[in-house]
């Protein structure tokens, strides 16, 4: 098997971050923001009984909350995104990359068959998996662009 073929068979479980800091619906935005600051991350998954129920991004805090006049005591449930795109641990990493591009997101939660949060994959995790600097740059640029790159002709 060539190195390229081997890379295309990498599973999400192989590159995901599994020790993920999480919040509950009841956490305040101040607490969620502190988790982001302390963990140097831009999003915090929201779980209930281990199951992923939402995700709060730094943008959610600013756009859905602060810009609408809400304060730091607002609960995570009021700011979180509940329309979540996720992958399974056994999915190929390509599926995570495809979702990131299609949905214009920088992180993809990894959930097991019961809906429990197993980990998260970020653009940095994918970049570490790819060795070719040009390949990394192109992939990250496409994920960050304003239009879905999978529809390009």
Foldseek 3Di string as FASTA:
>chain_A
DDPVVVLQQAFQLNLFDQPAAAAEQQDFQLVQVVCCVVVVHFKHFYDDPQATQFMAGVCLCVPQAVVVPHDRNHGCNSRTDRPAAAAERNHGVVVVLLCLLQVLDFKHFYAHPVRGTRGMDGLVSVLVSDDDPVVSVVSVCSSNDPHRPVPDD
